[in-house]
N, C-alpha and C. Protein backbone atom coordinates (compact mmCIF):
# COMPACT_ATOMS: atom_id res chain seq x y z
N UNK A 1 -16.68 6.76 23.30
CA UNK A 1 -15.69 6.81 22.24
C UNK A 1 -16.37 7.28 20.97
N UNK A 2 -15.69 8.12 20.23
CA UNK A 2 -16.30 8.69 19.04
C UNK A 2 -16.30 7.71 17.88
N UNK A 3 -17.22 7.95 16.96
CA UNK A 3 -17.31 7.13 15.75
C UNK A 3 -16.03 7.24 14.93
N UNK A 4 -15.45 8.42 14.86
CA UNK A 4 -14.22 8.62 14.09
C UNK A 4 -13.11 7.72 14.65
N UNK A 5 -12.95 7.71 15.95
CA UNK A 5 -11.91 6.90 16.57
C UNK A 5 -12.16 5.42 16.34
N UNK A 6 -13.40 5.00 16.49
CA UNK A 6 -13.75 3.58 16.26
C UNK A 6 -13.44 3.17 14.82
N UNK A 7 -13.82 4.00 13.87
CA UNK A 7 -13.57 3.68 12.46
C UNK A 7 -12.07 3.61 12.18
N UNK A 8 -11.30 4.54 12.73
CA UNK A 8 -9.85 4.52 12.52
C UNK A 8 -9.22 3.28 13.12
N UNK A 9 -9.65 2.90 14.33
CA UNK A 9 -9.14 1.68 14.96
C UNK A 9 -9.49 0.47 14.10
N UNK A 10 -10.73 0.41 13.64
CA UNK A 10 -11.16 -0.72 12.81
C UNK A 10 -10.36 -0.78 11.51
N UNK A 11 -10.13 0.35 10.88
CA UNK A 11 -9.38 0.37 9.63
C UNK A 11 -7.91 -0.01 9.83
N UNK A 12 -7.33 0.35 10.97
CA UNK A 12 -5.96 -0.10 11.26
C UNK A 12 -5.93 -1.62 11.43
N UNK A 13 -6.98 -2.17 12.05
CA UNK A 13 -7.08 -3.62 12.15
C UNK A 13 -7.20 -4.27 10.79
N UNK A 14 -8.02 -3.69 9.93
CA UNK A 14 -8.17 -4.20 8.56
C UNK A 14 -6.84 -4.13 7.83
N UNK A 15 -6.12 -3.03 7.97
CA UNK A 15 -4.82 -2.87 7.33
C UNK A 15 -3.87 -3.98 7.76
N UNK A 16 -3.83 -4.27 9.04
CA UNK A 16 -2.95 -5.32 9.56
C UNK A 16 -3.29 -6.67 8.94
N UNK A 17 -4.57 -7.00 8.84
CA UNK A 17 -4.97 -8.27 8.25
C UNK A 17 -4.74 -8.31 6.75
N UNK A 18 -4.92 -7.19 6.07
CA UNK A 18 -4.62 -7.14 4.63
C UNK A 18 -3.13 -7.35 4.37
N UNK A 19 -2.30 -6.78 5.21
CA UNK A 19 -0.86 -6.99 5.06
C UNK A 19 -0.49 -8.45 5.32
N UNK A 20 -1.16 -9.07 6.27
CA UNK A 20 -0.95 -10.50 6.51
C UNK A 20 -1.40 -11.34 5.33
N UNK A 21 -2.53 -10.99 4.75
CA UNK A 21 -3.03 -11.72 3.57
C UNK A 21 -2.08 -11.55 2.40
N UNK A 22 -1.44 -10.39 2.31
CA UNK A 22 -0.46 -10.16 1.24
C UNK A 22 0.74 -11.08 1.40
N UNK A 23 1.16 -11.34 2.63
CA UNK A 23 2.25 -12.29 2.86
C UNK A 23 1.84 -13.67 2.36
N UNK A 24 0.63 -14.09 2.70
CA UNK A 24 0.12 -15.39 2.24
C UNK A 24 0.09 -15.44 0.72
N UNK A 25 -0.36 -14.37 0.09
CA UNK A 25 -0.41 -14.29 -1.37
C UNK A 25 0.97 -14.50 -1.97
N UNK A 26 1.96 -13.85 -1.41
CA UNK A 26 3.33 -14.00 -1.93
C UNK A 26 3.85 -15.42 -1.71
N UNK A 27 3.48 -16.04 -0.60
CA UNK A 27 3.90 -17.42 -0.35
C UNK A 27 3.26 -18.37 -1.36
N UNK A 28 1.99 -18.13 -1.69
CA UNK A 28 1.30 -18.96 -2.68
C UNK A 28 1.93 -18.76 -4.05
N UNK A 29 2.23 -17.52 -4.41
CA UNK A 29 2.87 -17.24 -5.70
C UNK A 29 4.21 -17.97 -5.80
N UNK A 30 4.95 -17.95 -4.71
CA UNK A 30 6.26 -18.60 -4.71
C UNK A 30 6.11 -20.11 -4.91
N UNK A 31 5.05 -20.69 -4.38
CA UNK A 31 4.75 -22.10 -4.59
C UNK A 31 5.70 -23.05 -3.90
N UNK A 32 5.44 -24.31 -4.07
CA UNK A 32 6.21 -25.36 -3.41
C UNK A 32 7.67 -25.38 -3.86
N UNK A 33 7.93 -25.15 -5.13
CA UNK A 33 9.30 -25.21 -5.62
C UNK A 33 10.15 -24.05 -5.10
N UNK A 34 9.53 -22.92 -4.89
CA UNK A 34 10.27 -21.75 -4.43
C UNK A 34 10.33 -21.65 -2.92
N UNK A 35 9.62 -22.50 -2.22
CA UNK A 35 9.59 -22.43 -0.77
C UNK A 35 8.69 -21.30 -0.29
N UNK A 36 8.39 -21.33 0.98
CA UNK A 36 7.52 -20.28 1.52
C UNK A 36 8.29 -19.33 2.43
N UNK A 37 9.59 -19.49 2.48
CA UNK A 37 10.40 -18.62 3.32
C UNK A 37 11.01 -17.50 2.49
N UNK A 38 11.06 -16.33 3.09
CA UNK A 38 11.67 -15.19 2.41
C UNK A 38 13.19 -15.37 2.42
N UNK A 39 13.81 -14.90 1.38
CA UNK A 39 15.27 -14.92 1.33
C UNK A 39 15.81 -13.71 2.08
N UNK A 40 17.11 -13.62 2.20
CA UNK A 40 17.73 -12.46 2.84
C UNK A 40 17.92 -11.31 1.86
N UNK A 41 17.57 -11.51 0.61
CA UNK A 41 17.70 -10.48 -0.42
C UNK A 41 16.72 -9.35 -0.13
N UNK A 42 17.20 -8.12 0.10
CA UNK A 42 16.30 -7.02 0.42
C UNK A 42 15.32 -6.65 -0.70
N UNK A 43 15.53 -7.19 -1.90
CA UNK A 43 14.61 -6.94 -3.01
C UNK A 43 13.58 -8.06 -3.16
N UNK A 44 13.67 -9.09 -2.33
CA UNK A 44 12.72 -10.21 -2.37
C UNK A 44 11.32 -9.71 -2.01
N UNK A 45 10.36 -9.88 -2.90
CA UNK A 45 9.00 -9.38 -2.68
C UNK A 45 8.36 -10.03 -1.45
N UNK A 46 8.65 -11.30 -1.20
CA UNK A 46 8.11 -11.95 0.00
C UNK A 46 8.71 -11.31 1.25
N UNK A 47 10.00 -11.07 1.25
CA UNK A 47 10.63 -10.42 2.41
C UNK A 47 10.04 -9.04 2.64
N UNK A 48 9.83 -8.30 1.58
CA UNK A 48 9.23 -6.97 1.71
C UNK A 48 7.82 -7.08 2.30
N UNK A 49 7.04 -8.04 1.82
CA UNK A 49 5.69 -8.24 2.36
C UNK A 49 5.73 -8.64 3.83
N UNK A 50 6.65 -9.53 4.18
CA UNK A 50 6.79 -9.98 5.57
C UNK A 50 7.16 -8.81 6.47
N UNK A 51 8.10 -7.98 6.04
CA UNK A 51 8.51 -6.84 6.86
C UNK A 51 7.43 -5.77 6.96
N UNK A 52 6.68 -5.55 5.88
CA UNK A 52 5.58 -4.58 5.94
C UNK A 52 4.54 -5.04 6.96
N UNK A 53 4.22 -6.35 6.94
CA UNK A 53 3.26 -6.89 7.90
C UNK A 53 3.86 -6.86 9.31
N UNK A 54 5.10 -7.28 9.44
CA UNK A 54 5.74 -7.31 10.76
C UNK A 54 5.82 -5.93 11.39
N UNK A 55 6.17 -4.94 10.59
CA UNK A 55 6.26 -3.59 11.13
C UNK A 55 4.89 -3.11 11.59
N UNK A 56 3.87 -3.38 10.80
CA UNK A 56 2.51 -2.99 11.20
C UNK A 56 2.11 -3.71 12.48
N UNK A 57 2.47 -4.99 12.58
CA UNK A 57 2.12 -5.77 13.77
C UNK A 57 2.85 -5.26 15.02
N UNK A 58 3.98 -4.60 14.82
CA UNK A 58 4.73 -4.03 15.95
C UNK A 58 4.10 -2.74 16.47
N UNK A 59 3.50 -1.95 15.59
CA UNK A 59 3.03 -0.62 15.99
C UNK A 59 1.52 -0.48 16.09
N UNK A 60 0.76 -1.10 15.21
CA UNK A 60 -0.69 -0.91 15.21
C UNK A 60 -1.34 -1.31 16.54
N UNK A 61 -1.02 -2.47 17.13
CA UNK A 61 -1.67 -2.80 18.41
C UNK A 61 -1.40 -1.78 19.51
N UNK A 62 -0.18 -1.28 19.58
CA UNK A 62 0.14 -0.28 20.60
C UNK A 62 -0.62 1.01 20.36
N UNK A 63 -0.70 1.43 19.10
CA UNK A 63 -1.47 2.63 18.79
C UNK A 63 -2.94 2.44 19.16
N UNK A 64 -3.48 1.26 18.89
CA UNK A 64 -4.89 0.99 19.23
C UNK A 64 -5.10 1.05 20.74
N UNK A 65 -4.22 0.44 21.49
CA UNK A 65 -4.36 0.48 22.96
C UNK A 65 -4.29 1.92 23.46
N UNK A 66 -3.34 2.68 22.96
CA UNK A 66 -3.24 4.08 23.39
C UNK A 66 -4.47 4.88 23.00
N UNK A 67 -5.02 4.62 21.82
CA UNK A 67 -6.26 5.30 21.42
C UNK A 67 -7.42 4.91 22.34
N UNK A 68 -7.50 3.65 22.71
CA UNK A 68 -8.56 3.21 23.63
C UNK A 68 -8.42 3.88 24.99
N UNK A 69 -7.20 3.94 25.50
CA UNK A 69 -6.95 4.58 26.79
C UNK A 69 -7.32 6.06 26.72
N UNK A 70 -6.82 6.74 25.70
CA UNK A 70 -7.12 8.18 25.56
C UNK A 70 -8.61 8.43 25.39
N UNK A 71 -9.28 7.57 24.63
CA UNK A 71 -10.73 7.71 24.43
C UNK A 71 -11.51 7.48 25.72
N UNK A 72 -11.02 6.57 26.54
CA UNK A 72 -11.69 6.31 27.82
C UNK A 72 -11.52 7.49 28.79
N UNK A 73 -10.42 8.19 28.65
CA UNK A 73 -10.13 9.30 29.56
C UNK A 73 -10.64 10.65 29.08
N UNK A 74 -10.86 10.77 27.76
CA UNK A 74 -11.24 12.08 27.22
C UNK A 74 -12.08 11.91 25.96
N UNK A 75 -13.02 12.80 25.78
CA UNK A 75 -13.81 12.80 24.55
C UNK A 75 -13.41 13.98 23.66
N UNK A 76 -12.19 14.43 23.81
CA UNK A 76 -11.68 15.59 23.09
C UNK A 76 -11.52 15.32 21.60
N UNK A 77 -11.66 16.38 20.83
CA UNK A 77 -11.41 16.31 19.39
C UNK A 77 -9.97 15.88 19.13
N UNK A 78 -9.10 16.13 20.09
CA UNK A 78 -7.69 15.81 19.97
C UNK A 78 -7.48 14.31 19.77
N UNK A 79 -8.24 13.50 20.47
CA UNK A 79 -8.12 12.04 20.35
C UNK A 79 -8.56 11.61 18.95
N UNK A 80 -9.63 12.21 18.46
CA UNK A 80 -10.07 11.91 17.09
C UNK A 80 -8.99 12.28 16.07
N UNK A 81 -8.38 13.43 16.25
CA UNK A 81 -7.32 13.87 15.33
C UNK A 81 -6.14 12.91 15.36
N UNK A 82 -5.79 12.43 16.55
CA UNK A 82 -4.70 11.47 16.67
C UNK A 82 -5.07 10.11 16.06
N UNK A 83 -6.33 9.73 16.15
CA UNK A 83 -6.79 8.49 15.53
C UNK A 83 -6.66 8.57 14.00
N UNK A 84 -7.08 9.68 13.45
CA UNK A 84 -6.96 9.88 11.99
C UNK A 84 -5.48 9.91 11.60
N UNK A 85 -4.67 10.59 12.38
CA UNK A 85 -3.24 10.67 12.09
C UNK A 85 -2.60 9.28 12.17
N UNK A 86 -2.97 8.49 13.17
CA UNK A 86 -2.42 7.14 13.31
C UNK A 86 -2.75 6.29 12.09
N UNK A 87 -3.99 6.33 11.65
CA UNK A 87 -4.39 5.58 10.46
C UNK A 87 -3.62 6.07 9.23
N UNK A 88 -3.48 7.37 9.10
CA UNK A 88 -2.80 7.94 7.94
C UNK A 88 -1.33 7.54 7.89
N UNK A 89 -0.63 7.64 9.02
CA UNK A 89 0.80 7.34 8.99
C UNK A 89 1.07 5.85 8.84
N UNK A 90 0.21 5.01 9.42
CA UNK A 90 0.43 3.56 9.26
C UNK A 90 0.13 3.13 7.83
N UNK A 91 -0.88 3.72 7.21
CA UNK A 91 -1.18 3.41 5.82
C UNK A 91 -0.07 3.92 4.91
N UNK A 92 0.41 5.12 5.18
CA UNK A 92 1.51 5.69 4.40
C UNK A 92 2.75 4.81 4.49
N UNK A 93 3.07 4.35 5.69
CA UNK A 93 4.25 3.50 5.87
C UNK A 93 4.09 2.19 5.11
N UNK A 94 2.93 1.57 5.21
CA UNK A 94 2.71 0.29 4.52
C UNK A 94 2.83 0.46 3.00
N UNK A 95 2.22 1.50 2.47
CA UNK A 95 2.31 1.76 1.03
C UNK A 95 3.76 2.00 0.63
N UNK A 96 4.46 2.79 1.42
CA UNK A 96 5.87 3.07 1.13
C UNK A 96 6.72 1.81 1.12
N UNK A 97 6.47 0.91 2.04
CA UNK A 97 7.23 -0.35 2.06
C UNK A 97 6.87 -1.23 0.88
N UNK A 98 5.58 -1.36 0.60
CA UNK A 98 5.16 -2.26 -0.48
C UNK A 98 5.55 -1.74 -1.86
N UNK A 99 5.70 -0.44 -2.01
CA UNK A 99 6.11 0.12 -3.29
C UNK A 99 7.62 0.09 -3.48
N UNK A 100 8.36 -0.15 -2.41
CA UNK A 100 9.83 -0.13 -2.49
C UNK A 100 10.34 -1.27 -3.37
N UNK A 101 11.36 -0.96 -4.13
CA UNK A 101 12.00 -2.00 -4.94
C UNK A 101 12.92 -2.85 -4.07
N UNK A 102 13.39 -2.27 -2.95
CA UNK A 102 14.27 -2.97 -2.03
C UNK A 102 14.11 -2.37 -0.63
N UNK A 103 14.33 -3.20 0.37
CA UNK A 103 14.30 -2.71 1.75
C UNK A 103 15.59 -1.98 2.11
N UNK A 104 16.59 -2.09 1.24
CA UNK A 104 17.88 -1.47 1.51
C UNK A 104 17.83 0.05 1.39
N UNK A 105 16.83 0.57 0.71
CA UNK A 105 16.70 2.02 0.53
C UNK A 105 15.39 2.50 1.12
N UNK A 106 15.42 3.66 1.70
CA UNK A 106 14.20 4.26 2.26
C UNK A 106 13.64 5.24 1.26
N UNK A 107 12.31 5.24 1.15
CA UNK A 107 11.63 6.20 0.29
C UNK A 107 10.88 7.19 1.15
N UNK A 108 10.38 8.26 0.55
CA UNK A 108 9.70 9.30 1.33
C UNK A 108 8.45 8.81 2.06
N UNK A 109 7.65 7.95 1.43
CA UNK A 109 6.44 7.48 2.11
C UNK A 109 6.78 6.63 3.33
N UNK A 110 7.74 5.77 3.16
CA UNK A 110 8.17 4.92 4.29
C UNK A 110 8.71 5.78 5.42
N UNK A 111 9.54 6.76 5.10
CA UNK A 111 10.13 7.61 6.13
C UNK A 111 9.09 8.50 6.81
N UNK A 112 8.19 9.07 6.03
CA UNK A 112 7.11 9.89 6.61
C UNK A 112 6.23 9.04 7.51
N UNK A 113 5.91 7.84 7.05
CA UNK A 113 5.10 6.93 7.86
C UNK A 113 5.78 6.54 9.16
N UNK A 114 7.08 6.28 9.10
CA UNK A 114 7.82 5.90 10.30
C UNK A 114 7.90 7.06 11.29
N UNK A 115 8.32 8.22 10.80
CA UNK A 115 8.42 9.40 11.67
C UNK A 115 7.05 9.76 12.24
N UNK A 116 6.03 9.70 11.40
CA UNK A 116 4.67 9.99 11.86
C UNK A 116 4.21 9.02 12.93
N UNK A 117 4.56 7.75 12.77
CA UNK A 117 4.20 6.74 13.78
C UNK A 117 4.81 7.09 15.12
N UNK A 118 6.09 7.46 15.12
CA UNK A 118 6.75 7.82 16.37
C UNK A 118 6.09 9.05 17.00
N UNK A 119 5.81 10.06 16.18
CA UNK A 119 5.21 11.29 16.70
C UNK A 119 3.81 11.05 17.25
N UNK A 120 2.99 10.30 16.51
CA UNK A 120 1.62 10.03 16.97
C UNK A 120 1.65 9.17 18.23
N UNK A 121 2.50 8.15 18.24
CA UNK A 121 2.58 7.27 19.41
C UNK A 121 3.01 8.01 20.66
N UNK A 122 4.05 8.83 20.52
CA UNK A 122 4.52 9.61 21.67
C UNK A 122 3.45 10.60 22.12
N UNK A 123 2.79 11.24 21.17
CA UNK A 123 1.73 12.20 21.51
C UNK A 123 0.57 11.50 22.21
N UNK A 124 0.22 10.31 21.76
CA UNK A 124 -0.85 9.56 22.44
C UNK A 124 -0.44 9.21 23.87
N UNK A 125 0.79 8.78 24.05
CA UNK A 125 1.27 8.46 25.39
C UNK A 125 1.25 9.67 26.32
N UNK A 126 1.71 10.79 25.81
CA UNK A 126 1.71 12.02 26.60
C UNK A 126 0.28 12.46 26.88
N UNK A 127 -0.60 12.32 25.89
CA UNK A 127 -1.99 12.69 26.08
C UNK A 127 -2.63 11.83 27.17
N UNK A 128 -2.36 10.55 27.17
CA UNK A 128 -2.93 9.66 28.19
C UNK A 128 -2.48 10.09 29.59
N UNK A 129 -1.25 10.46 29.71
CA UNK A 129 -0.72 10.91 31.00
C UNK A 129 -1.32 12.27 31.38
N UNK A 130 -1.44 13.15 30.43
CA UNK A 130 -1.90 14.53 30.70
C UNK A 130 -3.37 14.58 31.11
N UNK A 131 -4.18 13.65 30.63
CA UNK A 131 -5.61 13.74 30.92
C UNK A 131 -6.02 12.99 32.18
N UNK A 132 -5.09 12.28 32.81
CA UNK A 132 -5.49 11.58 34.05
C UNK A 132 -5.46 12.50 35.24
């Protein structure tokens, strides 16, 4: 497995844990009087943090597994490019969500990150099948 792929996988793991720590930060800010549960208000900063972390937790592990499979099957530059792309789109999506004033509206970073996640994930899956 290439160093580039390993670093991208590690950074996606770091991103996931940073997003989790951000949820904890928002819960601490809210304090005992405000409760630690997010409201249903799409502009609630805790809800936004929870969804940014949850979304990352839904996609990052699958991307990592697909990168590991593709790396085990091929040492192609293509896998490295997909690793960099996976890191870029997941970071873009997280930033787009955290910068949003509300979850009710989509912004360009969030949408680019989401679309990129689907494209990279599908490409990784097809790559894994194609190289066996």
